[in-house]
Every structure is written in C-alpha cells, then in structure tokens.
C-alpha cells in the first residue's frame, strides 16, 4: 500500500511538533515512527521517538548530545502502538521537553 508521513503541531508557537510515518501493507500497519521534535534556540531537536527499527516496538528518549535511552514497550499490534505513542507524546510533550532542556535522558 505504501507509506504516509505527516506532521502535527503541538504548541501554538509552532515550535513543538509531532512527526508521524506509517507504512501499510495489505491493509496492515507494518512499521511506525512517531517522533516529538522541538525548536530550541532556532534549532530543531528530536526529543522522543517511538519506532520498531530493531525488531520490537520501543521508545527512545534523547538528549542534546544525541545519546538515547531505549525503553521496550510491550505492544505487539502496531496500530495500537501508533495510538499509544501519539497519545503519550500529546499528553507529555512539555514534560519531555523540560527533561531534555535539563539534560536528563
């Protein structure tokens, strides 16, 4: 079927966004990437990313140096995983941003 990519704004100042990429094959979600990015001092930073690039669904929490902490998320159905990831970021993006700015992974 193909892939679809889109961006959703999280903040009114348009400096926080959610980027989503979904790959579908025969009507089934086969790959997802959900990434929260924030513009800090005129530079875009990835802060949280959900994906299944290592063969399992997980969350990467990043810091300013690009280091990441990987956390396995026990959701097998990628459609459900997509919903979970999007909702988590919508609910907690401000918290993730504060941790990032303080240098906490």
PDB file of N, CA and C in Angstrom:
ATOM      1  N   UNK A   1       0.831  -1.191   0.000  1.00  0.00           N
ATOM      2  CA  UNK A   1       0.000   0.000   0.000  1.00  0.00           C
ATOM      3  C   UNK A   1       0.872   1.250   0.000  1.00  0.00           C
ATOM      4  N   UNK A   2       1.942   1.239   0.819  1.00  0.00           N
ATOM      5  CA  UNK A   2       2.810   2.396   0.832  1.00  0.00           C
ATOM      6  C   UNK A   2       2.961   3.014   2.200  1.00  0.00           C
ATOM      7  N   UNK A   3       3.535   4.190   2.184  1.00  0.00           N
ATOM      8  CA  UNK A   3       3.764   4.878   3.452  1.00  0.00           C
ATOM      9  C   UNK A   3       3.149   6.266   3.408  1.00  0.00           C
ATOM     10  N   UNK A   4       2.898   6.767   4.597  1.00  0.00           N
ATOM     11  CA  UNK A   4       2.306   8.087   4.739  1.00  0.00           C
ATOM     12  C   UNK A   4       3.084   8.813   5.825  1.00  0.00           C
ATOM     13  N   UNK A   5       3.427  10.064   5.553  1.00  0.00           N
ATOM     14  CA  UNK A   5       4.124  10.889   6.542  1.00  0.00           C
ATOM     15  C   UNK A   5       3.360  12.184   6.724  1.00  0.00           C
ATOM     16  N   UNK A   6       3.272  12.630   7.966  1.00  0.00           N
ATOM     17  CA  UNK A   6       2.637  13.915   8.235  1.00  0.00           C
ATOM     18  C   UNK A   6       3.139  14.481   9.547  1.00  0.00           C
ATOM     19  N   UNK A   7       2.889  15.766   9.728  1.00  0.00           N
ATOM     20  CA  UNK A   7       3.335  16.491  10.917  1.00  0.00           C
ATOM     21  C   UNK A   7       2.132  17.121  11.594  1.00  0.00           C
ATOM     22  N   UNK A   8       2.117  17.096  12.918  1.00  0.00           N
ATOM     23  CA  UNK A   8       1.074  17.754  13.706  1.00  0.00           C
ATOM     24  C   UNK A   8       1.747  18.738  14.645  1.00  0.00           C
ATOM     25  N   UNK A   9       1.207  19.932  14.720  1.00  0.00           N
ATOM     26  CA  UNK A   9       1.736  20.944  15.640  1.00  0.00           C
ATOM     27  C   UNK A   9       1.247  20.627  17.048  1.00  0.00           C
ATOM     28  N   UNK A  10       2.122  20.771  18.024  1.00  0.00           N
ATOM     29  CA  UNK A  10       1.762  20.529  19.424  1.00  0.00           C
ATOM     30  C   UNK A  10       1.596  21.819  20.214  1.00  0.00           C
ATOM     31  N   UNK A  11       2.271  22.881  19.786  1.00  0.00           N
ATOM     32  CA  UNK A  11       2.212  24.140  20.534  1.00  0.00           C
ATOM     33  C   UNK A  11       1.738  25.264  19.613  1.00  0.00           C
ATOM     34  N   UNK A  12       1.155  26.264  20.217  1.00  0.00           N
ATOM     35  CA  UNK A  12       0.630  27.395  19.448  1.00  0.00           C
ATOM     36  C   UNK A  12       1.730  28.183  18.754  1.00  0.00           C
ATOM     37  N   UNK A  13       2.931  28.196  19.329  1.00  0.00           N
ATOM     38  CA  UNK A  13       4.032  28.948  18.716  1.00  0.00           C
ATOM     39  C   UNK A  13       4.714  28.158  17.584  1.00  0.00           C
ATOM     40  N   UNK A  14       4.212  26.967  17.310  1.00  0.00           N
ATOM     41  CA  UNK A  14       4.691  26.106  16.222  1.00  0.00           C
ATOM     42  C   UNK A  14       6.151  25.676  16.404  1.00  0.00           C
ATOM     43  N   UNK A  15       6.610  25.639  17.652  1.00  0.00           N
ATOM     44  CA  UNK A  15       7.981  25.225  17.924  1.00  0.00           C
ATOM     45  C   UNK A  15       8.053  23.835  18.548  1.00  0.00           C
ATOM     46  N   UNK A  16       6.934  23.148  18.568  1.00  0.00           N
ATOM     47  CA  UNK A  16       6.872  21.762  19.038  1.00  0.00           C
ATOM     48  C   UNK A  16       5.983  21.008  18.063  1.00  0.00           C
ATOM     49  N   UNK A  17       6.504  19.891  17.551  1.00  0.00           N
ATOM     50  CA  UNK A  17       5.749  19.163  16.533  1.00  0.00           C
ATOM     51  C   UNK A  17       5.888  17.657  16.723  1.00  0.00           C
ATOM     52  N   UNK A  18       4.937  16.979  16.172  1.00  0.00           N
ATOM     53  CA  UNK A  18       4.884  15.529  16.181  1.00  0.00           C
ATOM     54  C   UNK A  18       4.969  15.070  14.733  1.00  0.00           C
ATOM     55  N   UNK A  19       6.009  14.309  14.407  1.00  0.00           N
ATOM     56  CA  UNK A  19       6.149  13.773  13.047  1.00  0.00           C
ATOM     57  C   UNK A  19       5.806  12.295  13.082  1.00  0.00           C
ATOM     58  N   UNK A  20       4.961  11.890  12.151  1.00  0.00           N
ATOM     59  CA  UNK A  20       4.481  10.507  12.135  1.00  0.00           C
ATOM     60  C   UNK A  20       4.710   9.914  10.753  1.00  0.00           C
ATOM     61  N   UNK A  21       5.236   8.701  10.744  1.00  0.00           N
ATOM     62  CA  UNK A  21       5.401   7.952   9.499  1.00  0.00           C
ATOM     63  C   UNK A  21       4.784   6.577   9.717  1.00  0.00           C
ATOM     64  N   UNK A  22       3.925   6.180   8.784  1.00  0.00           N
ATOM     65  CA  UNK A  22       3.229   4.897   8.884  1.00  0.00           C
ATOM     66  C   UNK A  22       3.424   4.145   7.574  1.00  0.00           C
ATOM     67  N   UNK A  23       3.820   2.889   7.666  1.00  0.00           N
ATOM     68  CA  UNK A  23       3.897   2.033   6.486  1.00  0.00           C
ATOM     69  C   UNK A  23       2.825   0.964   6.602  1.00  0.00           C
ATOM     70  N   UNK A  24       2.070   0.814   5.517  1.00  0.00           N
ATOM     71  CA  UNK A  24       0.960  -0.130   5.492  1.00  0.00           C
ATOM     72  C   UNK A  24       1.151  -1.081   4.313  1.00  0.00           C
ATOM     73  N   UNK A  25       0.885  -2.362   4.575  1.00  0.00           N
ATOM     74  CA  UNK A  25       0.958  -3.370   3.525  1.00  0.00           C
ATOM     75  C   UNK A  25      -0.270  -4.262   3.646  1.00  0.00           C
ATOM     76  N   UNK A  26      -1.023  -4.371   2.559  1.00  0.00           N
ATOM     77  CA  UNK A  26      -2.250  -5.179   2.529  1.00  0.00           C
ATOM     78  C   UNK A  26      -3.198  -4.808   3.665  1.00  0.00           C
ATOM     79  N   UNK A  27      -3.316  -3.511   3.929  1.00  0.00           N
ATOM     80  CA  UNK A  27      -4.230  -3.015   4.944  1.00  0.00           C
ATOM     81  C   UNK A  27      -3.751  -3.158   6.378  1.00  0.00           C
ATOM     82  N   UNK A  28      -2.518  -3.616   6.557  1.00  0.00           N
ATOM     83  CA  UNK A  28      -1.981  -3.824   7.905  1.00  0.00           C
ATOM     84  C   UNK A  28      -0.789  -2.894   8.132  1.00  0.00           C
ATOM     85  N   UNK A  29      -0.747  -2.255   9.310  1.00  0.00           N
ATOM     86  CA  UNK A  29       0.383  -1.401   9.669  1.00  0.00           C
ATOM     87  C   UNK A  29       1.598  -2.302   9.905  1.00  0.00           C
ATOM     88  N   UNK A  30       2.688  -2.047   9.164  1.00  0.00           N
ATOM     89  CA  UNK A  30       3.892  -2.881   9.309  1.00  0.00           C
ATOM     90  C   UNK A  30       5.080  -2.120   9.892  1.00  0.00           C
ATOM     91  N   UNK A  31       5.011  -0.797   9.933  1.00  0.00           N
ATOM     92  CA  UNK A  31       6.092  -0.006  10.516  1.00  0.00           C
ATOM     93  C   UNK A  31       5.554   1.357  10.926  1.00  0.00           C
ATOM     94  N   UNK A  32       6.039   1.870  12.045  1.00  0.00           N
ATOM     95  CA  UNK A  32       5.648   3.195  12.526  1.00  0.00           C
ATOM     96  C   UNK A  32       6.861   3.923  13.086  1.00  0.00           C
ATOM     97  N   UNK A  33       6.853   5.240  12.920  1.00  0.00           N
ATOM     98  CA  UNK A  33       7.801   6.121  13.588  1.00  0.00           C
ATOM     99  C   UNK A  33       6.987   7.317  14.062  1.00  0.00           C
ATOM    100  N   UNK A  34       7.048   7.588  15.344  1.00  0.00           N
ATOM    101  CA  UNK A  34       6.369   8.745  15.923  1.00  0.00           C
ATOM    102  C   UNK A  34       7.445   9.505  16.687  1.00  0.00           C
ATOM    103  N   UNK A  35       7.712  10.739  16.249  1.00  0.00           N
ATOM    104  CA  UNK A  35       8.812  11.497  16.850  1.00  0.00           C
ATOM    105  C   UNK A  35       8.360  12.893  17.269  1.00  0.00           C
ATOM    106  N   UNK A  36       8.689  13.229  18.502  1.00  0.00           N
ATOM    107  CA  UNK A  36       8.447  14.581  19.007  1.00  0.00           C
ATOM    108  C   UNK A  36       9.718  15.389  18.815  1.00  0.00           C
ATOM    109  N   UNK A  37       9.576  16.561  18.196  1.00  0.00           N
ATOM    110  CA  UNK A  37      10.702  17.464  17.954  1.00  0.00           C
ATOM    111  C   UNK A  37      10.350  18.843  18.475  1.00  0.00           C
ATOM    112  N   UNK A  38      11.366  19.545  18.969  1.00  0.00           N
ATOM    113  CA  UNK A  38      11.156  20.888  19.481  1.00  0.00           C
ATOM    114  C   UNK A  38      12.215  21.832  18.932  1.00  0.00           C
ATOM    115  N   UNK A  39      11.800  23.038  18.631  1.00  0.00           N
ATOM    116  CA  UNK A  39      12.724  24.071  18.167  1.00  0.00           C
ATOM    117  C   UNK A  39      13.183  24.862  19.384  1.00  0.00           C
ATOM    118  N   UNK A  40      14.485  24.727  19.690  1.00  0.00           N
ATOM    119  CA  UNK A  40      15.076  25.391  20.846  1.00  0.00           C
ATOM    120  C   UNK A  40      16.229  26.240  20.339  1.00  0.00           C
ATOM    121  N   UNK A  41      16.142  27.544  20.587  1.00  0.00           N
ATOM    122  CA  UNK A  41      17.161  28.489  20.106  1.00  0.00           C
ATOM    123  C   UNK A  41      17.424  28.320  18.608  1.00  0.00           C
ATOM    124  N   UNK A  42      16.345  28.307  17.833  1.00  0.00           N
ATOM    125  CA  UNK A  42      16.387  28.248  16.368  1.00  0.00           C
ATOM    126  C   UNK A  42      16.940  26.945  15.790  1.00  0.00           C
ATOM    127  N   UNK A  43      16.993  25.888  16.590  1.00  0.00           N
ATOM    128  CA  UNK A  43      17.436  24.590  16.074  1.00  0.00           C
ATOM    129  C   UNK A  43      16.420  23.520  16.468  1.00  0.00           C
ATOM    130  N   UNK A  44      16.079  22.631  15.510  1.00  0.00           N
ATOM    131  CA  UNK A  44      15.153  21.539  15.783  1.00  0.00           C
ATOM    132  C   UNK A  44      15.904  20.363  16.399  1.00  0.00           C
ATOM    133  N   UNK A  45      15.347  19.830  17.494  1.00  0.00           N
ATOM    134  CA  UNK A  45      15.923  18.673  18.175  1.00  0.00           C
ATOM    135  C   UNK A  45      14.891  17.551  18.273  1.00  0.00           C
ATOM    136  N   UNK A  46      15.283  16.316  17.952  1.00  0.00           N
ATOM    137  CA  UNK A  46      14.406  15.184  18.273  1.00  0.00           C
ATOM    138  C   UNK A  46      14.515  14.929  19.777  1.00  0.00           C
ATOM    139  N   UNK A  47      13.384  14.751  20.437  1.00  0.00           N
ATOM    140  CA  UNK A  47      13.384  14.586  21.886  1.00  0.00           C
ATOM    141  C   UNK A  47      12.913  13.188  22.289  1.00  0.00           C
ATOM    142  N   UNK A  48      11.858  12.712  21.657  1.00  0.00           N
ATOM    143  CA  UNK A  48      11.331  11.371  21.923  1.00  0.00           C
ATOM    144  C   UNK A  48      10.959  10.739  20.594  1.00  0.00           C
ATOM    145  N   UNK A  49      11.320   9.459  20.439  1.00  0.00           N
ATOM    146  CA  UNK A  49      10.955   8.748  19.209  1.00  0.00           C
ATOM    147  C   UNK A  49      10.465   7.354  19.566  1.00  0.00           C
ATOM    148  N   UNK A  50       9.335   6.994  18.997  1.00  0.00           N
ATOM    149  CA  UNK A  50       8.827   5.633  19.079  1.00  0.00           C
ATOM    150  C   UNK A  50       9.023   4.996  17.714  1.00  0.00           C
ATOM    151  N   UNK A  51       9.529   3.767  17.682  1.00  0.00           N
ATOM    152  CA  UNK A  51       9.632   3.045  16.417  1.00  0.00           C
ATOM    153  C   UNK A  51       9.838   1.563  16.696  1.00  0.00           C
ATOM    154  N   UNK A  52       9.969   0.801  15.630  1.00  0.00           N
ATOM    155  CA  UNK A  52      10.215  -0.642  15.771  1.00  0.00           C
ATOM    156  C   UNK A  52      11.398  -1.047  14.895  1.00  0.00           C
ATOM    157  N   UNK A  53      12.375  -0.161  14.789  1.00  0.00           N
ATOM    158  CA  UNK A  53      13.512  -0.361  13.897  1.00  0.00           C
ATOM    159  C   UNK A  53      14.435  -1.510  14.314  1.00  0.00           C
ATOM    160  N   UNK A  54      14.388  -1.952  15.539  1.00  0.00           N
ATOM    161  CA  UNK A  54      15.262  -3.041  15.997  1.00  0.00           C
ATOM    162  C   UNK A  54      14.494  -4.351  16.140  1.00  0.00           C
ATOM    163  N   UNK A  55      13.342  -4.424  15.472  1.00  0.00           N
ATOM    164  CA  UNK A  55      12.542  -5.634  15.526  1.00  0.00           C
ATOM    165  C   UNK A  55      11.551  -5.678  16.672  1.00  0.00           C
ATOM    166  N   UNK A  56      11.463  -4.590  17.447  1.00  0.00           N
ATOM    167  CA  UNK A  56      10.500  -4.520  18.538  1.00  0.00           C
ATOM    168  C   UNK A  56      10.109  -3.061  18.737  1.00  0.00           C
ATOM    169  N   UNK A  57       8.911  -2.845  19.245  1.00  0.00           N
ATOM    170  CA  UNK A  57       8.418  -1.501  19.474  1.00  0.00           C
ATOM    171  C   UNK A  57       9.081  -0.936  20.724  1.00  0.00           C
ATOM    172  N   UNK A  58       9.591   0.286  20.616  1.00  0.00           N
ATOM    173  CA  UNK A  58      10.287   0.903  21.739  1.00  0.00           C
ATOM    174  C   UNK A  58      10.235   2.426  21.657  1.00  0.00           C
ATOM    175  N   UNK A  59      10.622   3.034  22.785  1.00  0.00           N
ATOM    176  CA  UNK A  59      10.706   4.489  22.886  1.00  0.00           C
ATOM    177  C   UNK A  59      12.169   4.851  23.123  1.00  0.00           C
ATOM    178  N   UNK A  60      12.661   5.802  22.347  1.00  0.00           N
ATOM    179  CA  UNK A  60      13.987   6.371  22.565  1.00  0.00           C
ATOM    180  C   UNK A  60      13.797   7.769  23.132  1.00  0.00           C
ATOM    181  N   UNK A  61      14.397   8.023  24.288  1.00  0.00           N
ATOM    182  CA  UNK A  61      14.406   9.367  24.868  1.00  0.00           C
ATOM    183  C   UNK A  61      15.805   9.911  24.638  1.00  0.00           C
ATOM    184  N   UNK A  62      15.895  11.039  23.949  1.00  0.00           N
ATOM    185  CA  UNK A  62      17.184  11.581  23.536  1.00  0.00           C
ATOM    186  C   UNK A  62      17.594  12.780  24.385  1.00  0.00           C
ATOM    187  N   UNK A  63      18.901  13.070  24.364  1.00  0.00           N
ATOM    188  CA  UNK A  63      19.386  14.292  24.997  1.00  0.00           C
ATOM    189  C   UNK A  63      20.051  15.166  23.930  1.00  0.00           C
ATOM    190  N   UNK A  64      20.560  16.320  24.342  1.00  0.00           N
ATOM    191  CA  UNK A  64      21.141  17.271  23.384  1.00  0.00           C
ATOM    192  C   UNK A  64      22.360  16.725  22.664  1.00  0.00           C
ATOM    193  N   UNK A  65      23.051  15.761  23.264  1.00  0.00           N
ATOM    194  CA  UNK A  65      24.228  15.165  22.647  1.00  0.00           C
ATOM    195  C   UNK A  65      23.853  14.078  21.639  1.00  0.00           C
ATOM    196  N   UNK A  66      22.566  13.744  21.553  1.00  0.00           N
ATOM    197  CA  UNK A  66      22.131  12.694  20.648  1.00  0.00           C
ATOM    198  C   UNK A  66      22.141  11.314  21.278  1.00  0.00           C
ATOM    199  N   UNK A  67      22.548  11.236  22.551  1.00  0.00           N
ATOM    200  CA  UNK A  67      22.513   9.958  23.263  1.00  0.00           C
ATOM    201  C   UNK A  67      21.064   9.605  23.552  1.00  0.00           C
ATOM    202  N   UNK A  68      20.782   8.308  23.618  1.00  0.00           N
ATOM    203  CA  UNK A  68      19.394   7.910  23.847  1.00  0.00           C
ATOM    204  C   UNK A  68      19.274   6.799  24.865  1.00  0.00           C
ATOM    205  N   UNK A  69      18.133   6.781  25.504  1.00  0.00           N
ATOM    206  CA  UNK A  69      17.756   5.717  26.416  1.00  0.00           C
ATOM    207  C   UNK A  69      16.615   4.962  25.751  1.00  0.00           C
ATOM    208  N   UNK A  70      16.794   3.666  25.547  1.00  0.00           N
ATOM    209  CA  UNK A  70      15.794   2.839  24.871  1.00  0.00           C
ATOM    210  C   UNK A  70      14.939   2.125  25.908  1.00  0.00           C
ATOM    211  N   UNK A  71      13.622   2.200  25.700  1.00  0.00           N
ATOM    212  CA  UNK A  71      12.680   1.534  26.595  1.00  0.00           C
ATOM    213  C   UNK A  71      11.730   0.686  25.759  1.00  0.00           C
ATOM    214  N   UNK A  72      11.725  -0.620  26.002  1.00  0.00           N
ATOM    215  CA  UNK A  72      10.830  -1.523  25.281  1.00  0.00           C
ATOM    216  C   UNK A  72       9.391  -1.253  25.719  1.00  0.00           C
ATOM    217  N   UNK A  73       8.501  -1.190  24.754  1.00  0.00           N
ATOM    218  CA  UNK A  73       7.068  -1.015  25.026  1.00  0.00           C
ATOM    219  C   UNK A  73       6.385  -2.307  24.572  1.00  0.00           C
ATOM    220  N   UNK A  74       5.733  -2.984  25.493  1.00  0.00           N
ATOM    221  CA  UNK A  74       5.143  -4.297  25.208  1.00  0.00           C
ATOM    222  C   UNK A  74       3.787  -4.188  24.510  1.00  0.00           C
ATOM    223  N   UNK A  75       3.814  -3.725  23.261  1.00  0.00           N
ATOM    224  CA  UNK A  75       2.611  -3.682  22.434  1.00  0.00           C
ATOM    225  C   UNK A  75       2.979  -4.338  21.109  1.00  0.00           C
ATOM    226  N   UNK A  76       2.320  -5.411  20.769  1.00  0.00           N
ATOM    227  CA  UNK A  76       2.651  -6.159  19.553  1.00  0.00           C
ATOM    228  C   UNK A  76       1.943  -5.602  18.319  1.00  0.00           C
ATOM    229  N   UNK A  77       0.692  -5.191  18.479  1.00  0.00           N
ATOM    230  CA  UNK A  77      -0.100  -4.682  17.361  1.00  0.00           C
ATOM    231  C   UNK A  77       0.350  -3.252  17.044  1.00  0.00           C
ATOM    232  N   UNK A  78       0.910  -3.040  15.856  1.00  0.00           N
ATOM    233  CA  UNK A  78       1.475  -1.725  15.537  1.00  0.00           C
ATOM    234  C   UNK A  78       0.424  -0.630  15.398  1.00  0.00           C
ATOM    235  N   UNK A  79      -0.788  -0.982  15.074  1.00  0.00           N
ATOM    236  CA  UNK A  79      -1.851   0.025  15.040  1.00  0.00           C
ATOM    237  C   UNK A  79      -2.106   0.554  16.455  1.00  0.00           C
ATOM    238  N   UNK A  80      -2.147  -0.351  17.426  1.00  0.00           N
ATOM    239  CA  UNK A  80      -2.303   0.054  18.824  1.00  0.00           C
ATOM    240  C   UNK A  80      -1.069   0.820  19.310  1.00  0.00           C
ATOM    241  N   UNK A  81       0.111   0.378  18.867  1.00  0.00           N
ATOM    242  CA  UNK A  81       1.354   1.043  19.246  1.00  0.00           C
ATOM    243  C   UNK A  81       1.372   2.488  18.742  1.00  0.00           C
ATOM    244  N   UNK A  82       0.906   2.693  17.530  1.00  0.00           N
ATOM    245  CA  UNK A  82       0.836   4.031  16.959  1.00  0.00           C
ATOM    246  C   UNK A  82      -0.063   4.933  17.798  1.00  0.00           C
ATOM    247  N   UNK A  83      -1.212   4.420  18.170  1.00  0.00           N
ATOM    248  CA  UNK A  83      -2.144   5.178  19.008  1.00  0.00           C
ATOM    249  C   UNK A  83      -1.511   5.506  20.354  1.00  0.00           C
ATOM    250  N   UNK A  84      -0.856   4.537  20.966  1.00  0.00           N
ATOM    251  CA  UNK A  84      -0.197   4.729  22.254  1.00  0.00           C
ATOM    252  C   UNK A  84       0.872   5.816  22.167  1.00  0.00           C
ATOM    253  N   UNK A  85       1.732   5.713  21.162  1.00  0.00           N
ATOM    254  CA  UNK A  85       2.846   6.654  21.021  1.00  0.00           C
ATOM    255  C   UNK A  85       2.346   8.077  20.808  1.00  0.00           C
ATOM    256  N   UNK A  86       1.381   8.225  19.917  1.00  0.00           N
ATOM    257  CA  UNK A  86       0.848   9.558  19.634  1.00  0.00           C
ATOM    258  C   UNK A  86       0.205  10.169  20.879  1.00  0.00           C
ATOM    259  N   UNK A  87      -0.564   9.377  21.603  1.00  0.00           N
ATOM    260  CA  UNK A  87      -1.239   9.897  22.788  1.00  0.00           C
ATOM    261  C   UNK A  87      -0.244  10.237  23.891  1.00  0.00           C
ATOM    262  N   UNK A  88       0.781   9.390  24.075  1.00  0.00           N
ATOM    263  CA  UNK A  88       1.792   9.662  25.097  1.00  0.00           C
ATOM    264  C   UNK A  88       2.470  11.005  24.835  1.00  0.00           C
ATOM    265  N   UNK A  89       2.853  11.245  23.604  1.00  0.00           N
ATOM    266  CA  UNK A  89       3.541  12.500  23.292  1.00  0.00           C
ATOM    267  C   UNK A  89       2.599  13.691  23.422  1.00  0.00           C
ATOM    268  N   UNK A  90       1.373  13.557  22.973  1.00  0.00           N
ATOM    269  CA  UNK A  90       0.405  14.662  23.113  1.00  0.00           C
ATOM    270  C   UNK A  90       0.183  14.995  24.589  1.00  0.00           C
ATOM    271  N   UNK A  91       0.155  13.974  25.433  1.00  0.00           N
ATOM    272  CA  UNK A  91      -0.095  14.179  26.861  1.00  0.00           C
ATOM    273  C   UNK A  91       1.124  14.718  27.615  1.00  0.00           C
ATOM    274  N   UNK A  92       2.341  14.341  27.177  1.00  0.00           N
ATOM    275  CA  UNK A  92       3.523  14.618  27.994  1.00  0.00           C
ATOM    276  C   UNK A  92       4.628  15.387  27.288  1.00  0.00           C
ATOM    277  N   UNK A  93       4.373  16.018  26.140  1.00  0.00           N
ATOM    278  CA  UNK A  93       5.450  16.674  25.400  1.00  0.00           C
ATOM    279  C   UNK A  93       6.146  17.760  26.217  1.00  0.00           C
ATOM    280  N   UNK A  94       5.389  18.487  27.023  1.00  0.00           N
ATOM    281  CA  UNK A  94       6.003  19.555  27.822  1.00  0.00           C
ATOM    282  C   UNK A  94       6.974  18.972  28.864  1.00  0.00           C
ATOM    283  N   UNK A  95       6.586  17.847  29.457  1.00  0.00           N
ATOM    284  CA  UNK A  95       7.439  17.157  30.426  1.00  0.00           C
ATOM    285  C   UNK A  95       8.703  16.648  29.742  1.00  0.00           C
ATOM    286  N   UNK A  96       8.563  16.016  28.575  1.00  0.00           N
ATOM    287  CA  UNK A  96       9.725  15.540  27.820  1.00  0.00           C
ATOM    288  C   UNK A  96      10.666  16.699  27.470  1.00  0.00           C
ATOM    289  N   UNK A  97      10.090  17.822  27.085  1.00  0.00           N
ATOM    290  CA  UNK A  97      10.904  18.982  26.699  1.00  0.00           C
ATOM    291  C   UNK A  97      11.703  19.511  27.889  1.00  0.00           C
ATOM    292  N   UNK A  98      11.085  19.593  29.048  1.00  0.00           N
ATOM    293  CA  UNK A  98      11.787  20.073  30.249  1.00  0.00           C
ATOM    294  C   UNK A  98      12.944  19.158  30.603  1.00  0.00           C
ATOM    295  N   UNK A  99      12.729  17.859  30.551  1.00  0.00           N
ATOM    296  CA  UNK A  99      13.814  16.898  30.823  1.00  0.00           C
ATOM    297  C   UNK A  99      14.948  17.085  29.831  1.00  0.00           C
ATOM    298  N   UNK A 100      14.608  17.266  28.552  1.00  0.00           N
ATOM    299  CA  UNK A 100      15.608  17.458  27.509  1.00  0.00           C
ATOM    300  C   UNK A 100      16.433  18.704  27.798  1.00  0.00           C
ATOM    301  N   UNK A 101      15.756  19.800  28.123  1.00  0.00           N
ATOM    302  CA  UNK A 101      16.450  21.057  28.381  1.00  0.00           C
ATOM    303  C   UNK A 101      17.365  20.976  29.605  1.00  0.00           C
ATOM    304  N   UNK A 102      16.996  20.137  30.582  1.00  0.00           N
ATOM    305  CA  UNK A 102      17.818  19.954  31.777  1.00  0.00           C
ATOM    306  C   UNK A 102      18.929  18.930  31.565  1.00  0.00           C
ATOM    307  N   UNK A 103      18.930  18.271  30.399  1.00  0.00           N
ATOM    308  CA  UNK A 103      19.975  17.287  30.106  1.00  0.00           C
ATOM    309  C   UNK A 103      19.712  15.905  30.670  1.00  0.00           C
ATOM    310  N   UNK A 104      18.450  15.624  31.026  1.00  0.00           N
ATOM    311  CA  UNK A 104      18.088  14.319  31.577  1.00  0.00           C
ATOM    312  C   UNK A 104      17.604  13.418  30.448  1.00  0.00           C
ATOM    313  N   UNK A 105      18.155  12.200  30.382  1.00  0.00           N
ATOM    314  CA  UNK A 105      17.682  11.225  29.380  1.00  0.00           C
ATOM    315  C   UNK A 105      16.474  10.502  29.897  1.00  0.00           C
TER     316      UNK A 105
END
